[in-house]
Amino acid sequence: MSKSTLRILPVLMVAIMAALVTQPVRAAAINSVVITENSSTSLTATLNNNPLSVTFSSVDNWTIALGGVSGASPGAGASQFWTEPDAAGFVNAVTFINQVPGILFVASDSFPGQSGLADGTPDTTSFKLNGGALAVTFHDLGDVATVPETGATLSLFGLSLTGLGFLRRKLC
């Protein structure tokens, strides 16, 4: 072997050993809660795609059981707001209260004049799960405008025309 090869060989061996020993750095997995409002009385929630227990409290109000949840600031509660897709000036709220551990409170169509994240935007700053990062996303499908059912619409229209016919006879 030549002298130049002998000089490079130790450096090459160290580089190969470092490549074999070094593991790639992986980012810590972020837990994800996705909350979906289907109507003013129906809400679903998942943690990492696994269903969570949701309790209906009253119209547009629910609680979600989630052990280990907390506010992002130690010892503090937390709230985040998402704007209503079809009700300007109203928001959907997800709240954690220290005095009620393991529960998220959800209120829809609330808090007039409050600003918030766009519907479906993940919040990664307000909540933690077991001390680690927690992304919370709110989807509001409950306020999407629906097309009226044709049969009912036509029967009400016919009833109105019949009423006008009787009214016309009375007046003439």
Protein backbone atom coordinates (compact mmCIF):
# COMPACT_ATOMS: atom_id res chain seq x y z
CA MET A 1 0.00 0.00 0.00
CA SER A 2 1.12 3.50 -0.66
CA LYS A 3 1.68 6.10 2.07
CA SER A 4 -1.31 8.21 0.93
CA THR A 5 -3.63 5.17 1.23
CA LEU A 6 -2.34 4.44 4.73
CA ARG A 7 -3.08 8.04 5.79
CA ILE A 8 -6.67 7.91 4.49
CA LEU A 9 -7.44 4.41 5.79
CA PRO A 10 -7.91 5.38 9.51
CA VAL A 11 -10.17 8.30 8.57
CA LEU A 12 -12.19 6.05 6.27
CA MET A 13 -12.56 3.40 9.00
CA VAL A 14 -13.80 5.99 11.52
CA ALA A 15 -16.33 7.34 9.00
CA ILE A 16 -17.66 3.83 8.25
CA MET A 17 -17.96 2.97 11.95
CA ALA A 18 -19.76 6.26 12.69
CA ALA A 19 -22.22 5.58 9.86
CA LEU A 20 -22.97 2.08 11.19
CA VAL A 21 -23.40 3.16 14.82
CA THR A 22 -25.34 6.37 14.25
CA GLN A 23 -29.14 5.96 14.12
CA PRO A 24 -31.31 8.44 12.26
CA VAL A 25 -32.97 11.04 14.46
CA ARG A 26 -36.72 10.54 14.55
CA ALA A 27 -39.21 13.15 15.66
CA ALA A 28 -41.37 12.24 18.63
CA ALA A 29 -44.88 11.18 17.62
CA ILE A 30 -47.51 13.81 18.34
CA ASN A 31 -50.81 12.56 19.71
CA SER A 32 -53.79 13.81 17.75
CA VAL A 33 -57.39 14.38 18.86
CA VAL A 34 -59.91 14.96 16.06
CA ILE A 35 -63.34 16.24 17.08
CA THR A 36 -66.17 16.20 14.54
CA GLU A 37 -69.55 17.85 15.10
CA ASN A 38 -72.15 16.10 12.94
CA SER A 39 -75.16 18.05 14.25
CA SER A 40 -76.17 20.08 17.31
CA THR A 41 -76.71 16.78 19.17
CA SER A 42 -74.04 14.53 17.62
CA LEU A 43 -70.28 14.75 18.18
CA THR A 44 -67.50 12.19 17.68
CA ALA A 45 -63.90 12.31 18.88
CA THR A 46 -60.83 10.16 18.24
CA LEU A 47 -57.36 9.95 19.74
CA ASN A 48 -54.87 8.72 17.13
CA ASN A 49 -57.86 7.34 15.14
CA ASN A 50 -59.22 5.43 18.18
CA PRO A 51 -62.71 6.46 19.37
CA LEU A 52 -63.05 8.43 22.60
CA SER A 53 -66.04 8.46 24.96
CA VAL A 54 -68.24 11.48 24.20
CA THR A 55 -71.12 12.47 26.49
CA PHE A 56 -73.95 14.69 25.23
CA SER A 57 -74.69 17.40 27.84
CA SER A 58 -77.19 19.62 26.02
CA VAL A 59 -77.69 21.04 22.54
CA ASP A 60 -74.24 22.07 21.23
CA ASN A 61 -72.48 20.94 24.45
CA TRP A 62 -70.50 17.75 25.12
CA THR A 63 -67.74 16.32 27.30
CA ILE A 64 -64.93 14.06 26.09
CA ALA A 65 -63.19 11.66 28.49
CA LEU A 66 -59.43 11.85 27.90
CA GLY A 67 -57.20 10.77 30.78
CA GLY A 68 -53.86 12.60 30.95
CA VAL A 69 -55.04 15.75 29.17
CA SER A 70 -53.88 19.11 30.54
CA GLY A 71 -53.32 22.70 29.57
CA ALA A 72 -50.03 23.48 27.80
CA SER A 73 -48.97 25.76 30.67
CA PRO A 74 -48.35 23.85 33.92
CA GLY A 75 -51.16 24.37 36.43
CA ALA A 76 -53.33 26.28 33.96
CA GLY A 77 -56.52 25.43 32.12
CA ALA A 78 -56.71 25.81 28.37
CA SER A 79 -59.16 26.82 25.63
CA GLN A 80 -59.05 27.01 21.87
CA PHE A 81 -61.65 28.38 19.48
CA TRP A 82 -62.46 27.43 15.88
CA THR A 83 -64.64 29.66 13.69
CA GLU A 84 -68.07 28.45 12.62
CA PRO A 85 -68.04 27.67 8.89
CA ASP A 86 -71.60 28.97 8.27
CA ALA A 87 -72.31 31.22 11.27
CA ALA A 88 -70.16 34.34 11.15
CA GLY A 89 -69.27 35.74 14.54
CA PHE A 90 -69.65 32.44 16.43
CA VAL A 91 -67.03 29.85 17.33
CA ASN A 92 -66.64 26.28 18.54
CA ALA A 93 -64.68 25.96 21.80
CA VAL A 94 -62.67 23.12 23.32
CA THR A 95 -61.73 23.73 26.97
CA PHE A 96 -59.76 21.96 29.69
CA ILE A 97 -60.39 22.97 33.32
CA ASN A 98 -57.88 21.94 36.01
CA GLN A 99 -60.61 21.27 38.56
CA VAL A 100 -62.10 18.56 36.27
CA PRO A 101 -59.12 16.38 35.26
CA GLY A 102 -59.36 14.01 32.30
CA ILE A 103 -62.25 15.86 30.63
CA LEU A 104 -62.41 18.15 27.60
CA PHE A 105 -65.48 20.40 27.36
CA VAL A 106 -66.84 21.18 23.88
CA ALA A 107 -69.27 24.02 23.08
CA SER A 108 -70.49 24.73 19.57
CA ASP A 109 -72.09 27.86 18.10
CA SER A 110 -70.98 29.89 21.13
CA PHE A 111 -69.11 33.01 22.24
CA PRO A 112 -70.30 35.71 19.79
CA GLY A 113 -67.54 38.02 18.60
CA GLN A 114 -64.69 35.67 19.61
CA SER A 115 -62.04 34.96 16.97
CA GLY A 116 -60.48 31.57 16.43
CA LEU A 117 -58.68 29.17 14.14
CA ALA A 118 -60.27 28.24 10.82
CA ASP A 119 -62.50 25.16 10.96
CA GLY A 120 -60.34 22.02 10.59
CA THR A 121 -57.06 23.70 11.59
CA PRO A 122 -54.99 21.70 14.12
CA ASP A 123 -54.08 23.46 17.38
CA THR A 124 -50.72 22.24 18.72
CA THR A 125 -50.14 24.87 21.41
CA SER A 126 -53.04 24.78 23.90
CA PHE A 127 -53.19 21.20 25.21
CA LYS A 128 -50.86 18.38 26.33
CA LEU A 129 -51.39 14.65 26.80
CA ASN A 130 -49.37 12.99 29.58
CA GLY A 131 -46.96 15.93 29.37
CA GLY A 132 -46.32 15.49 25.63
CA ALA A 133 -47.55 17.42 22.62
CA LEU A 134 -51.24 17.12 21.67
CA ALA A 135 -52.73 18.34 18.40
CA VAL A 136 -56.48 19.07 18.61
CA THR A 137 -58.55 19.56 15.45
CA PHE A 138 -62.23 20.57 15.28
CA HIS A 139 -64.37 19.84 12.21
CA ASP A 140 -67.86 21.34 12.16
CA LEU A 141 -70.11 19.41 9.78
CA GLY A 142 -73.27 20.28 11.71
CA ASP A 143 -73.87 23.68 10.16
CA VAL A 144 -73.65 22.72 6.51
CA ALA A 145 -76.71 23.92 4.63
CA THR A 146 -78.97 21.10 3.47
CA VAL A 147 -81.38 20.89 0.55
CA PRO A 148 -85.03 20.66 1.63
CA GLU A 149 -86.79 17.35 1.04
CA THR A 150 -88.84 17.67 -2.18
CA GLY A 151 -91.97 15.81 -1.04
CA ALA A 152 -92.51 17.97 2.03
CA THR A 153 -91.77 21.15 0.09
CA LEU A 154 -94.32 20.31 -2.63
CA SER A 155 -97.01 19.32 -0.13
CA LEU A 156 -96.58 22.59 1.79
CA PHE A 157 -96.69 24.54 -1.48
CA GLY A 158 -99.90 22.72 -2.49
CA LEU A 159 -101.45 23.41 0.92
CA SER A 160 -100.62 27.11 0.51
CA LEU A 161 -102.24 27.24 -2.94
CA THR A 162 -105.36 25.50 -1.57
CA GLY A 163 -105.57 28.07 1.21
CA LEU A 164 -105.27 30.90 -1.30
CA GLY A 165 -108.10 29.35 -3.36
CA PHE A 166 -110.41 29.29 -0.33
CA LEU A 167 -109.42 32.82 0.64
CA ARG A 168 -110.17 34.06 -2.89
CA ARG A 169 -113.69 32.57 -2.78
CA LYS A 170 -114.37 34.23 0.57
CA LEU A 171 -113.30 37.65 -0.70
CA CYS A 172 -115.26 37.52 -3.98
